[in-house]
Amino acid sequence: MQETLRVRRSETVVRAASPRKLEPVELAAPKDDVGQLLAEQIAYYRARAGEYDETAPWGLLPGYAELVAALEAFAPRGRVLELACGTGQWTGELAKYASHVTALDASPEVIAISRAKVAHDHIQYVEADLFSWSPPQTYDVVFFSAWLSHVPPQRFDDFWALVAGCLNDTGRVFVIDELPAVAHSEQPVHGAAAPAVERPLRTGEHFRTIKVFYEPGELQVRLGKLGWDVETHTVGWRVFYAIAQRAKS
């Protein structure tokens, strides 16, 4: 039976893999509007969990086969950390190559869905707020898809410092995210502490989420200034992927 580690501040609780009711995730109290946006973003993905795979079917998007082929060529072997794993749309692909996958997300609801879809003994699910989580070890690969655009600009540098701290000396990063052309389908929120959009659910609820679009070349330059070697590739008009490694000194 698989288990999920639920991280609350410095405490780790081991939970059995059983169905659960919607329970609040304990987060650090928001200190500013960015913190409030992040808390609302987590609430959104918790509430959206049941409809996510139907409303965001990555496997049906044009270019998905190219992304899968790129990940295969990248070969994410060894110990792999997946940040913001969501409902496991990429967890299964990572499990094909990795000796062990640590899949982290703040939403117990999406973790439950991912576990039901991707049941492998070498996958460990960790429930934690990424912005208050510290890695207990280093990894060969860090992977995240459709997550970088949800990192507020104010925390961009700190986030990439976290990624660096998750990697061993030869560790690599694989990133997938959306291109700025997707912005036309979003409803921007004006006056927020970080670039944000309004997202509706089928229930009629509305949430704000952070959404920062990057031109691949812009991202490459910015990460270069933080000490990363990066190569980027666009896949059609909608998505790009990037491969990064700490620059050799």
Protein backbone atom coordinates (compact mmCIF):
# COMPACT_ATOMS: atom_id res chain seq x y z
CA MET A 1 0.00 0.00 0.00
CA GLN A 2 1.33 3.38 -0.97
CA GLU A 3 1.60 6.14 1.59
CA THR A 4 1.51 9.89 1.43
CA LEU A 5 3.73 12.14 3.48
CA ARG A 6 1.86 15.22 4.63
CA VAL A 7 4.15 18.05 5.60
CA ARG A 8 2.98 20.63 8.13
CA ARG A 9 5.69 23.12 8.92
CA SER A 10 8.53 20.96 10.29
CA GLU A 11 6.29 17.98 11.15
CA THR A 12 5.94 14.95 8.87
CA VAL A 13 2.87 12.77 9.18
CA VAL A 14 2.53 9.43 7.40
CA ARG A 15 -0.97 8.78 6.13
CA ALA A 16 -2.39 5.59 4.66
CA ALA A 17 -3.62 5.73 1.10
CA SER A 18 -7.36 5.85 1.79
CA PRO A 19 -10.19 8.09 0.53
CA ARG A 20 -10.57 11.30 2.51
CA LYS A 21 -13.04 14.09 2.84
CA LEU A 22 -12.02 17.61 1.89
CA GLU A 23 -9.83 18.79 4.74
CA PRO A 24 -8.01 22.11 5.02
CA VAL A 25 -4.31 22.09 4.22
CA GLU A 26 -2.32 23.83 6.93
CA LEU A 27 -0.36 26.69 5.39
CA ALA A 28 1.80 29.42 6.75
CA ALA A 29 -0.41 32.44 7.42
CA PRO A 30 -0.27 34.80 4.42
CA LYS A 31 1.93 37.77 5.24
CA ASP A 32 1.03 39.82 2.20
CA ASP A 33 -1.20 39.86 -0.85
CA VAL A 34 1.13 37.45 -2.66
CA GLY A 35 0.66 34.97 0.16
CA GLN A 36 -3.10 35.40 -0.10
CA LEU A 37 -2.96 34.76 -3.84
CA LEU A 38 -0.94 31.61 -3.29
CA ALA A 39 -3.42 30.37 -0.69
CA GLU A 40 -6.29 31.03 -3.11
CA GLN A 41 -4.39 29.24 -5.85
CA ILE A 42 -4.09 26.12 -3.69
CA ALA A 43 -7.79 26.34 -2.84
CA TYR A 44 -8.58 26.55 -6.55
CA TYR A 45 -6.67 23.41 -7.48
CA ARG A 46 -8.16 21.54 -4.55
CA ALA A 47 -11.67 22.51 -5.64
CA ARG A 48 -10.89 21.76 -9.31
CA ALA A 49 -9.35 18.33 -8.69
CA GLY A 50 -12.39 16.34 -9.76
CA GLU A 51 -12.76 18.13 -13.09
CA TYR A 52 -9.09 18.79 -13.87
CA ASP A 53 -8.37 15.87 -16.18
CA GLU A 54 -11.48 16.58 -18.23
CA THR A 55 -10.88 20.32 -18.53
CA ALA A 56 -7.09 20.19 -18.98
CA PRO A 57 -6.40 17.02 -21.00
CA TRP A 58 -2.68 17.35 -21.74
CA GLY A 59 -2.75 14.07 -23.62
CA LEU A 60 -5.13 15.54 -26.22
CA LEU A 61 -3.19 18.75 -26.82
CA PRO A 62 -1.38 19.21 -30.14
CA GLY A 63 2.29 18.59 -29.53
CA TYR A 64 1.81 16.19 -26.62
CA ALA A 65 3.57 13.38 -28.50
CA GLU A 66 6.52 15.72 -29.10
CA LEU A 67 6.71 16.51 -25.39
CA VAL A 68 6.66 12.82 -24.52
CA ALA A 69 9.43 12.17 -27.05
CA ALA A 70 11.49 15.03 -25.62
CA LEU A 71 11.12 13.65 -22.11
CA GLU A 72 12.13 10.20 -23.36
CA ALA A 73 15.25 11.68 -24.98
CA PHE A 74 16.00 13.56 -21.75
CA ALA A 75 15.76 10.22 -19.90
CA PRO A 76 14.79 11.22 -16.33
CA ARG A 77 16.57 8.32 -14.63
CA GLY A 78 17.56 7.87 -11.03
CA ARG A 79 15.75 9.68 -8.22
CA VAL A 80 13.22 12.11 -9.67
CA LEU A 81 11.34 14.90 -7.88
CA GLU A 82 8.11 16.11 -9.49
CA LEU A 83 6.95 19.48 -8.16
CA ALA A 84 3.21 20.27 -8.35
CA CYS A 85 2.43 16.80 -9.64
CA GLY A 86 -1.31 17.49 -9.89
CA THR A 87 -3.46 14.57 -10.99
CA GLY A 88 -0.47 12.62 -12.28
CA GLN A 89 -0.63 13.50 -15.96
CA TRP A 90 3.19 13.30 -16.09
CA THR A 91 3.89 11.13 -13.04
CA GLY A 92 3.34 7.93 -14.98
CA GLU A 93 5.74 9.02 -17.72
CA LEU A 94 8.42 9.81 -15.14
CA ALA A 95 7.88 6.44 -13.45
CA LYS A 96 8.82 4.67 -16.68
CA TYR A 97 12.42 5.86 -16.36
CA ALA A 98 13.06 6.73 -12.72
CA SER A 99 14.20 4.34 -10.03
CA HIS A 100 12.14 6.42 -7.58
CA VAL A 101 9.69 9.29 -8.02
CA THR A 102 8.80 11.76 -5.29
CA ALA A 103 5.60 13.51 -6.40
CA LEU A 104 4.79 16.64 -4.40
CA ASP A 105 1.61 18.72 -4.33
CA ALA A 106 -0.26 20.90 -1.83
CA SER A 107 -3.63 19.33 -2.72
CA PRO A 108 -4.56 16.01 -1.12
CA GLU A 109 -7.40 15.72 -3.64
CA VAL A 110 -5.15 15.70 -6.70
CA ILE A 111 -2.70 13.37 -4.97
CA ALA A 112 -5.53 10.90 -4.35
CA ILE A 113 -6.45 11.02 -8.05
CA SER A 114 -2.84 10.59 -9.13
CA ARG A 115 -2.33 7.66 -6.78
CA ALA A 116 -5.41 5.94 -8.17
CA LYS A 117 -4.16 6.37 -11.75
CA VAL A 118 -0.46 5.76 -11.19
CA ALA A 119 0.00 2.97 -8.67
CA HIS A 120 3.68 2.04 -8.57
CA ASP A 121 5.70 1.00 -5.55
CA HIS A 122 8.53 3.34 -6.51
CA ILE A 123 6.35 6.47 -6.33
CA GLN A 124 6.12 8.40 -3.06
CA TYR A 125 3.51 11.14 -2.74
CA VAL A 126 4.25 14.12 -0.52
CA GLU A 127 1.53 16.59 0.45
CA ALA A 128 3.16 19.96 1.13
CA ASP A 129 3.06 23.66 0.35
CA LEU A 130 6.00 23.98 -1.99
CA PHE A 131 6.89 27.45 -0.75
CA SER A 132 7.43 26.22 2.82
CA TRP A 133 8.86 22.79 1.99
CA SER A 134 12.53 21.80 2.22
CA PRO A 135 13.96 18.78 0.41
CA PRO A 136 15.05 15.95 2.73
CA GLN A 137 17.57 14.77 0.13
CA THR A 138 18.91 15.61 -3.31
CA TYR A 139 17.68 14.25 -6.62
CA ASP A 140 18.99 13.42 -10.07
CA VAL A 141 16.11 15.20 -11.81
CA VAL A 142 13.57 17.86 -10.90
CA PHE A 143 10.51 18.01 -13.16
CA PHE A 144 7.56 20.39 -13.22
CA SER A 145 4.84 21.01 -15.78
CA ALA A 146 2.43 23.97 -15.88
CA TRP A 147 3.85 25.16 -12.58
CA LEU A 148 6.49 27.80 -13.28
CA SER A 149 3.80 30.16 -14.57
CA HIS A 150 2.12 29.90 -11.15
CA VAL A 151 5.21 31.14 -9.29
CA PRO A 152 4.89 34.85 -8.45
CA PRO A 153 7.67 37.04 -9.85
CA GLN A 154 8.57 38.11 -6.32
CA ARG A 155 9.52 34.51 -5.53
CA PHE A 156 11.10 33.54 -8.84
CA ASP A 157 14.69 33.70 -7.62
CA ASP A 158 13.91 31.91 -4.35
CA PHE A 159 12.04 29.20 -6.23
CA TRP A 160 14.99 28.49 -8.47
CA ALA A 161 17.28 28.49 -5.42
CA LEU A 162 15.00 25.76 -4.03
CA VAL A 163 15.27 23.82 -7.28
CA ALA A 164 19.06 24.09 -7.13
CA GLY A 165 19.01 22.84 -3.55
CA CYS A 166 16.99 19.81 -4.63
CA LEU A 167 19.62 18.67 -7.13
CA ASN A 168 22.77 16.65 -6.66
CA ASP A 169 26.00 17.77 -8.34
CA THR A 170 24.99 16.45 -11.76
CA GLY A 171 21.26 17.05 -11.39
CA ARG A 172 19.07 18.25 -14.25
CA VAL A 173 15.73 20.02 -14.62
CA PHE A 174 12.93 19.49 -17.15
CA VAL A 175 10.22 22.16 -17.38
CA ILE A 176 7.02 22.32 -19.42
CA ASP A 177 4.78 25.38 -19.52
CA GLU A 178 2.52 27.47 -21.70
CA LEU A 179 3.56 30.17 -24.13
CA PRO A 180 2.30 33.78 -23.98
CA ALA A 181 -0.07 33.07 -26.88
CA VAL A 182 -2.32 31.27 -24.39
CA ALA A 183 -2.94 34.54 -22.53
CA HIS A 184 -5.81 35.45 -24.86
CA SER A 185 -7.91 32.68 -23.30
CA GLU A 186 -7.39 33.93 -19.73
CA GLN A 187 -9.34 36.56 -17.79
CA PRO A 188 -6.73 38.85 -16.19
CA VAL A 189 -7.18 40.24 -12.70
CA HIS A 190 -6.12 43.86 -12.48
CA GLY A 191 -4.47 45.33 -9.41
CA ALA A 192 -3.33 42.02 -7.90
CA ALA A 193 0.01 41.78 -6.09
CA ALA A 194 1.27 39.47 -8.87
CA PRO A 195 0.09 38.74 -12.42
CA ALA A 196 -3.14 36.84 -11.88
CA VAL A 197 -6.13 35.48 -13.76
CA GLU A 198 -9.66 34.57 -12.73
CA ARG A 199 -10.61 30.91 -13.14
CA PRO A 200 -14.23 29.67 -12.96
CA LEU A 201 -15.31 26.18 -11.94
CA ARG A 202 -18.39 24.23 -12.99
CA THR A 203 -19.77 24.82 -9.51
CA GLY A 204 -19.99 28.52 -10.31
CA GLU A 205 -17.13 29.37 -7.95
CA HIS A 206 -14.40 31.74 -9.09
CA PHE A 207 -10.80 31.80 -7.93
CA ARG A 208 -7.72 33.87 -8.63
CA THR A 209 -4.52 32.12 -9.62
CA ILE A 210 -1.10 33.52 -10.40
CA LYS A 211 -0.24 33.29 -14.08
CA VAL A 212 3.08 34.55 -15.47
CA PHE A 213 3.81 33.80 -19.12
CA TYR A 214 7.43 33.59 -20.28
CA GLU A 215 8.91 33.87 -23.72
CA PRO A 216 11.42 30.99 -23.86
CA GLY A 217 14.28 33.28 -24.81
CA GLU A 218 13.46 35.64 -21.95
CA LEU A 219 13.40 32.73 -19.51
CA GLN A 220 16.72 31.45 -20.80
CA VAL A 221 18.40 34.81 -20.23
CA ARG A 222 16.89 35.29 -16.79
CA LEU A 223 17.95 31.84 -15.61
CA GLY A 224 21.40 32.36 -17.07
CA LYS A 225 21.83 35.32 -14.73
CA LEU A 226 20.96 32.99 -11.83
CA GLY A 227 23.68 30.53 -12.82
CA TRP A 228 21.80 28.06 -14.99
CA ASP A 229 22.63 26.62 -18.39
CA VAL A 230 19.31 26.39 -20.22
CA GLU A 231 18.05 25.25 -23.58
CA THR A 232 14.45 25.93 -24.62
CA HIS A 233 12.22 24.45 -27.32
CA THR A 234 8.78 25.56 -28.47
CA VAL A 235 6.15 22.96 -29.33
CA GLY A 236 3.57 24.51 -31.61
CA TRP A 237 1.96 27.76 -30.50
CA ARG A 238 0.84 26.64 -27.06
CA VAL A 239 3.70 25.15 -25.02
CA PHE A 240 7.45 25.03 -24.60
CA TYR A 241 9.86 22.87 -22.68
CA ALA A 242 13.21 23.73 -21.16
CA ILE A 243 16.15 21.68 -19.94
CA ALA A 244 18.36 23.24 -17.31
CA GLN A 245 21.46 22.38 -15.31
CA ARG A 246 23.58 24.40 -12.92
CA ALA A 247 26.35 26.15 -14.85
CA LYS A 248 29.82 24.83 -14.19
CA SER A 249 32.01 27.33 -12.36
